[in-house]
């Protein structure tokens, strides 16, 4: 009877199961939060692209290779 009380194999398994469950809860929560933020950002980007609006300062400075810094913006900037 005392040997059964000292045996910790079951306790160790239970501790690992609780640890895995806690990690799973944290991971699921993080994925849901990041998923919502990513979805909102991608939706906003898609709406901007499909509407054809130009957003000043949005990284359209490709240049023409001669070091002149041709932004390709023309008269729309």
Protein backbone atom coordinates (compact mmCIF):
# COMPACT_ATOMS: atom_id res chain seq x y z
CA UNK A 1 0.00 0.00 0.00
CA UNK A 2 2.80 2.43 0.90
CA UNK A 3 4.59 1.59 -2.33
CA UNK A 4 1.50 2.61 -4.29
CA UNK A 5 1.41 5.97 -2.48
CA UNK A 6 5.08 6.65 -3.29
CA UNK A 7 4.76 5.70 -6.96
CA UNK A 8 4.81 8.98 -8.91
CA UNK A 9 4.45 7.66 -12.45
CA UNK A 10 0.80 8.62 -12.60
CA UNK A 11 1.46 12.02 -11.04
CA UNK A 12 4.17 12.76 -13.58
CA UNK A 13 1.88 11.83 -16.45
CA UNK A 14 -0.85 14.05 -15.03
CA UNK A 15 1.56 16.96 -14.66
CA UNK A 16 2.69 16.60 -18.27
CA UNK A 17 -0.91 16.42 -19.44
CA UNK A 18 -1.76 19.63 -17.56
CA UNK A 19 1.34 21.34 -18.95
CA UNK A 20 0.43 20.37 -22.52
CA UNK A 21 -3.15 21.55 -21.98
CA UNK A 22 -1.95 24.94 -20.67
CA UNK A 23 0.42 25.37 -23.60
CA UNK A 24 -2.37 24.47 -26.02
CA UNK A 25 -4.67 27.10 -24.49
CA UNK A 26 -1.96 29.77 -24.81
CA UNK A 27 -1.16 28.82 -28.41
CA UNK A 28 -4.83 28.79 -29.43
CA UNK A 29 -5.38 32.20 -27.85
CA UNK A 30 -2.31 33.66 -29.57
CA UNK A 31 -3.32 32.26 -32.95
CA UNK A 32 -6.81 33.71 -32.61
CA UNK A 33 -5.48 37.16 -31.68
CA UNK A 34 -2.86 37.19 -34.42
CA UNK A 35 -5.29 35.76 -36.94
CA UNK A 36 -7.79 38.55 -36.33
CA UNK A 37 -5.11 41.23 -36.63
CA UNK A 38 -3.67 39.71 -39.78
CA UNK A 39 -7.09 39.33 -41.34
CA UNK A 40 -7.98 42.97 -40.66
CA UNK A 41 -4.66 44.17 -42.09
CA UNK A 42 -4.94 42.05 -45.22
CA UNK A 43 -8.54 43.13 -45.76
CA UNK A 44 -7.51 46.78 -45.52
CA UNK A 45 -4.62 46.25 -47.93
CA UNK A 46 -6.85 44.42 -50.39
CA UNK A 47 -9.45 47.19 -50.26
CA UNK A 48 -6.80 49.83 -50.91
CA UNK A 49 -5.36 47.89 -53.84
CA UNK A 50 -8.72 47.16 -55.44
CA UNK A 51 -9.88 50.77 -55.10
CA UNK A 52 -6.77 52.02 -56.92
CA UNK A 53 -6.10 54.79 -54.40
CA UNK A 54 -2.58 56.15 -54.18
CA UNK A 55 -1.28 56.51 -50.66
CA UNK A 56 1.57 59.07 -50.50
CA UNK A 57 4.77 57.71 -49.06
CA UNK A 58 3.77 54.13 -49.66
CA UNK A 59 7.05 52.91 -51.14
CA UNK A 60 6.77 53.67 -54.86
CA UNK A 61 10.36 54.95 -55.28
CA UNK A 62 11.75 52.32 -57.64
CA UNK A 63 14.34 54.50 -59.36
CA UNK A 64 15.66 54.21 -62.89
CA UNK A 65 19.14 52.89 -62.12
CA UNK A 66 21.12 56.10 -62.68
CA UNK A 67 21.08 57.24 -59.06
CA UNK A 68 18.66 60.05 -59.81
CA UNK A 69 15.93 58.72 -57.55
CA UNK A 70 13.13 58.66 -60.12
CA UNK A 71 10.10 57.88 -57.97
CA UNK A 72 7.81 57.05 -60.88
CA UNK A 73 5.13 59.16 -59.28
CA UNK A 74 4.68 61.73 -62.05
CA UNK A 75 2.12 64.41 -61.25
CA UNK A 76 -0.06 62.25 -58.99
CA UNK A 77 2.04 62.70 -55.84
